[in-house]
Amino acid sequence: MSIRALPRIFISGADMAAPFEIPRAEFDKLHNVLRLRSGARIGVLPNDGSFWECELDGRYAKPLEKHLPNTEPSLHITIAQALPKGDKLDDVVRACTELGVSHFIVFPSDRSIVKWEDRKLNDKMRRLESLSKEAAETAFRTKIPLVEYRQTLADVMREPNLIALSESEKEFKQLSTSNLEPLTLAVGPEGGWSPREVELLKPYAVTLGPRVLRTEHAGFAAAAKLLI
């Protein structure tokens, strides 16, 4: 069986030198959801770029063979997404993780309708981290994208090689694949950037073309142009 077809789980930092116990949540997924039993082959991803073919032995995984699949993109892309409404952020993280985005930053912008309360911030971030992990497993990635929160656009603008996606097709240059440095793609909320933010971001602004994309689609479209 191809290793791409194996059920796979991330266990960050797992010591693959000897059989090890599978964390409860991951074991429940293998045992109760996928109905796997002892003797089944699984893939374990230590989140270091490697893939280990293992044999399930009760609650333990026995490492059999190490693989180094080339599934991580050479271009490191960060999506800095202004907070959108509803579950759109879930869609951004899932889709862009599967595409190959390496890092997510979420932040409130001037026109963000959603405001995250401090007391709920950790829970919301844990959910996004879980979504990113699940999407990375699905996409046969070997590293889980980092998910972080920033308080302001000013904090985002400190990220390296910032590119701000703009709705204008006249004023700004189009997004190019020529610059293969680590990139940070900033995406505005449903209402777009405010006039204040437009002025701040003007030196970094690019457009995806003449059509206006939804906030949950813009980052994916830009990353797809650069990664595929």
Protein backbone atom coordinates (compact mmCIF):
# COMPACT_ATOMS: atom_id res chain seq x y z
CA MET A 1 0.00 0.00 0.00
CA SER A 2 1.25 3.47 -0.85
CA ILE A 3 2.12 5.54 2.20
CA ARG A 4 -0.22 8.23 0.82
CA ALA A 5 -3.12 5.83 1.40
CA LEU A 6 -2.28 5.10 5.04
CA PRO A 7 -4.40 6.60 7.82
CA ARG A 8 -2.16 9.25 9.38
CA ILE A 9 -1.95 11.26 12.55
CA PHE A 10 0.24 14.07 13.78
CA ILE A 11 2.01 13.47 17.08
CA SER A 12 4.32 16.46 17.40
CA GLY A 13 7.70 15.62 18.88
CA ALA A 14 7.06 11.86 19.00
CA ASP A 15 10.18 9.81 19.78
CA MET A 16 10.34 7.30 16.96
CA ALA A 17 13.24 5.28 18.41
CA ALA A 18 10.93 2.70 19.99
CA PRO A 19 7.22 1.82 20.28
CA PHE A 20 5.27 4.62 21.94
CA GLU A 21 1.79 5.15 23.31
CA ILE A 22 -0.62 7.01 21.04
CA PRO A 23 -2.34 10.00 22.71
CA ARG A 24 -5.94 9.28 23.65
CA ALA A 25 -7.61 11.62 21.16
CA GLU A 26 -5.60 10.22 18.27
CA PHE A 27 -6.12 6.62 19.38
CA ASP A 28 -9.89 7.18 19.64
CA LYS A 29 -9.89 8.44 16.05
CA LEU A 30 -7.98 5.38 14.82
CA HIS A 31 -9.91 2.87 16.92
CA ASN A 32 -13.45 4.25 17.11
CA VAL A 33 -13.77 6.24 13.89
CA LEU A 34 -11.54 4.35 11.45
CA ARG A 35 -12.12 0.97 13.16
CA LEU A 36 -8.44 0.04 13.05
CA ARG A 37 -7.12 -2.79 15.20
CA SER A 38 -3.71 -4.20 16.13
CA GLY A 39 -1.65 -5.07 13.09
CA ALA A 40 -3.01 -2.23 10.96
CA ARG A 41 -0.50 0.03 9.23
CA ILE A 42 -0.72 3.73 10.02
CA GLY A 43 1.35 6.83 9.38
CA VAL A 44 2.70 8.98 12.19
CA LEU A 45 3.89 12.53 11.51
CA PRO A 46 6.19 13.96 14.22
CA ASN A 47 5.77 17.45 12.68
CA ASP A 48 9.42 17.62 11.64
CA GLY A 49 9.08 16.91 7.92
CA SER A 50 9.24 13.13 8.24
CA PHE A 51 6.59 10.42 7.86
CA TRP A 52 6.86 7.18 9.81
CA GLU A 53 5.14 4.03 8.67
CA CYS A 54 4.05 2.24 11.86
CA GLU A 55 2.15 -0.81 12.99
CA LEU A 56 -0.71 -0.41 15.44
CA ASP A 57 -0.25 -2.56 18.53
CA GLY A 58 -3.04 -1.95 20.99
CA ARG A 59 -2.62 1.63 22.15
CA TYR A 60 0.95 1.71 20.87
CA ALA A 61 2.56 2.47 17.53
CA LYS A 62 5.61 0.45 16.45
CA PRO A 63 7.81 2.44 14.03
CA LEU A 64 8.72 0.43 10.93
CA GLU A 65 10.16 2.75 8.30
CA LYS A 66 10.98 6.44 7.95
CA HIS A 67 10.00 8.36 4.83
CA LEU A 68 10.75 11.91 3.73
CA PRO A 69 7.92 12.82 1.35
CA ASN A 70 8.36 16.07 -0.54
CA THR A 71 4.99 17.59 0.26
CA GLU A 72 5.98 20.88 1.90
CA PRO A 73 6.27 23.88 -0.48
CA SER A 74 9.60 25.64 -0.89
CA LEU A 75 7.88 29.02 -0.58
CA HIS A 76 6.87 29.99 2.95
CA ILE A 77 3.58 31.89 2.81
CA THR A 78 1.79 33.53 5.73
CA ILE A 79 -1.87 34.44 5.38
CA ALA A 80 -2.72 37.39 7.63
CA GLN A 81 -6.51 37.32 7.66
CA ALA A 82 -8.61 40.14 9.09
CA LEU A 83 -11.38 38.64 11.21
CA PRO A 84 -14.39 37.73 9.04
CA LYS A 85 -17.93 36.86 10.09
CA GLY A 86 -19.29 33.42 10.91
CA ASP A 87 -17.28 30.34 10.07
CA LYS A 88 -15.41 31.88 7.13
CA LEU A 89 -12.14 31.77 9.06
CA ASP A 90 -12.54 28.00 9.41
CA ASP A 91 -12.77 27.74 5.62
CA VAL A 92 -9.68 29.92 5.16
CA VAL A 93 -7.56 27.80 7.49
CA ARG A 94 -8.74 24.47 6.09
CA ALA A 95 -8.38 25.34 2.42
CA CYS A 96 -5.11 27.25 2.69
CA THR A 97 -3.54 24.54 4.86
CA GLU A 98 -4.37 21.93 2.22
CA LEU A 99 -2.90 24.22 -0.42
CA GLY A 100 0.42 24.58 1.42
CA VAL A 101 0.29 27.80 3.45
CA SER A 102 2.83 27.64 6.29
CA HIS A 103 1.55 30.23 8.76
CA PHE A 104 -1.70 31.96 9.66
CA ILE A 105 -2.16 35.24 11.48
CA VAL A 106 -5.63 36.46 12.44
CA PHE A 107 -6.27 40.03 13.54
CA PRO A 108 -9.08 42.59 13.91
CA SER A 109 -9.15 45.34 11.30
CA ASP A 110 -11.10 48.60 11.21
CA ARG A 111 -14.04 47.07 9.38
CA SER A 112 -14.08 43.69 11.10
CA ILE A 113 -17.57 43.14 12.42
CA VAL A 114 -16.47 40.28 14.64
CA LYS A 115 -14.59 41.19 17.82
CA TRP A 116 -13.02 38.38 19.82
CA GLU A 117 -13.34 38.69 23.58
CA ASP A 118 -10.11 38.12 25.50
CA ARG A 119 -11.68 35.39 27.63
CA LYS A 120 -12.59 33.37 24.53
CA LEU A 121 -9.40 34.01 22.56
CA ASN A 122 -7.55 30.87 23.66
CA ASP A 123 -10.51 28.63 22.83
CA LYS A 124 -10.88 30.15 19.38
CA MET A 125 -7.18 29.77 18.67
CA ARG A 126 -7.20 26.13 19.80
CA ARG A 127 -10.05 25.46 17.38
CA LEU A 128 -8.12 26.99 14.48
CA GLU A 129 -5.02 25.00 15.43
CA SER A 130 -7.10 21.81 15.45
CA LEU A 131 -8.57 22.63 12.03
CA SER A 132 -5.10 23.29 10.64
CA LYS A 133 -3.81 20.00 12.03
CA GLU A 134 -6.71 18.02 10.56
CA ALA A 135 -6.32 19.70 7.18
CA ALA A 136 -2.57 19.00 7.18
CA GLU A 137 -3.28 15.32 7.82
CA THR A 138 -5.80 15.22 4.99
CA ALA A 139 -3.40 16.91 2.57
CA PHE A 140 -0.49 14.58 3.41
CA ARG A 141 1.58 17.44 4.74
CA THR A 142 4.44 16.76 7.13
CA LYS A 143 4.31 20.01 9.07
CA ILE A 144 1.37 21.73 10.75
CA PRO A 145 1.03 25.43 9.93
CA LEU A 146 1.50 27.83 12.82
CA VAL A 147 -1.62 29.80 13.82
CA GLU A 148 -1.20 33.09 15.71
CA TYR A 149 -3.21 36.13 16.76
CA ARG A 150 -2.16 39.76 16.42
CA GLN A 151 -3.85 42.68 18.13
CA THR A 152 -3.61 45.22 15.28
CA LEU A 153 -2.78 45.74 11.64
CA ALA A 154 0.37 47.54 12.80
CA ASP A 155 1.53 44.26 14.35
CA VAL A 156 0.88 42.46 11.06
CA MET A 157 2.88 45.06 9.13
CA ARG A 158 6.00 44.02 11.04
CA GLU A 159 5.89 40.61 9.33
CA PRO A 160 8.49 40.01 6.57
CA ASN A 161 7.81 40.82 2.91
CA LEU A 162 4.28 42.10 3.39
CA ILE A 163 1.86 42.07 0.47
CA ALA A 164 -1.61 43.54 0.97
CA LEU A 165 -4.35 42.31 -1.34
CA SER A 166 -6.32 45.25 -2.76
CA GLU A 167 -9.60 45.53 -4.65
CA SER A 168 -8.17 48.05 -7.11
CA GLU A 169 -7.10 46.85 -10.56
CA LYS A 170 -5.68 50.20 -11.66
CA GLU A 171 -3.60 51.67 -8.89
CA PHE A 172 -1.48 48.71 -7.86
CA LYS A 173 0.74 46.13 -9.48
CA GLN A 174 -0.56 42.61 -9.92
CA LEU A 175 0.57 39.75 -7.70
CA SER A 176 3.63 38.10 -9.20
CA THR A 177 5.31 34.74 -8.69
CA SER A 178 8.75 36.24 -9.34
CA ASN A 179 9.60 36.97 -5.71
CA LEU A 180 10.22 33.60 -4.07
CA GLU A 181 11.00 34.94 -0.62
CA PRO A 182 8.90 34.22 2.48
CA LEU A 183 5.75 36.25 1.93
CA THR A 184 3.00 37.62 4.15
CA LEU A 185 -0.33 38.08 2.35
CA ALA A 186 -2.66 40.45 4.22
CA VAL A 187 -6.38 40.04 3.49
CA GLY A 188 -9.04 42.53 4.56
CA PRO A 189 -12.50 41.73 5.99
CA GLU A 190 -15.85 41.65 4.18
CA GLY A 191 -16.04 45.43 3.85
CA GLY A 192 -12.48 45.76 2.59
CA TRP A 193 -9.74 47.92 4.06
CA SER A 194 -10.77 51.23 5.64
CA PRO A 195 -9.42 54.47 4.12
CA ARG A 196 -6.89 54.66 6.96
CA GLU A 197 -5.69 51.13 6.27
CA VAL A 198 -5.55 51.74 2.51
CA GLU A 199 -3.11 54.58 3.10
CA LEU A 200 -1.00 52.50 5.45
CA LEU A 201 -0.89 49.56 3.07
CA LYS A 202 -0.45 51.47 -0.20
CA PRO A 203 3.30 50.71 -0.44
CA TYR A 204 2.54 46.99 -0.11
CA ALA A 205 -0.64 46.73 -2.17
CA VAL A 206 -1.19 44.34 -5.06
CA THR A 207 -4.32 43.21 -6.88
CA LEU A 208 -5.45 39.81 -8.05
CA GLY A 209 -7.09 41.36 -11.11
CA PRO A 210 -10.29 43.09 -12.19
CA ARG A 211 -12.73 41.01 -10.17
CA VAL A 212 -13.43 41.37 -6.45
CA LEU A 213 -13.14 38.16 -4.41
CA ARG A 214 -14.80 37.33 -1.13
CA THR A 215 -12.55 37.65 1.91
CA GLU A 216 -12.58 33.88 2.46
CA HIS A 217 -11.47 33.29 -1.16
CA ALA A 218 -8.89 36.03 -1.67
CA GLY A 219 -6.05 34.52 0.38
CA PHE A 220 -6.64 31.10 -1.14
CA ALA A 221 -6.57 32.50 -4.67
CA ALA A 222 -3.37 34.44 -4.02
CA ALA A 223 -1.65 31.48 -2.37
CA ALA A 224 -2.76 29.18 -5.20
CA LYS A 225 -1.18 31.51 -7.75
CA LEU A 226 2.10 31.38 -5.86
CA LEU A 227 2.16 27.73 -4.79
CA ILE A 228 0.71 25.81 -7.72
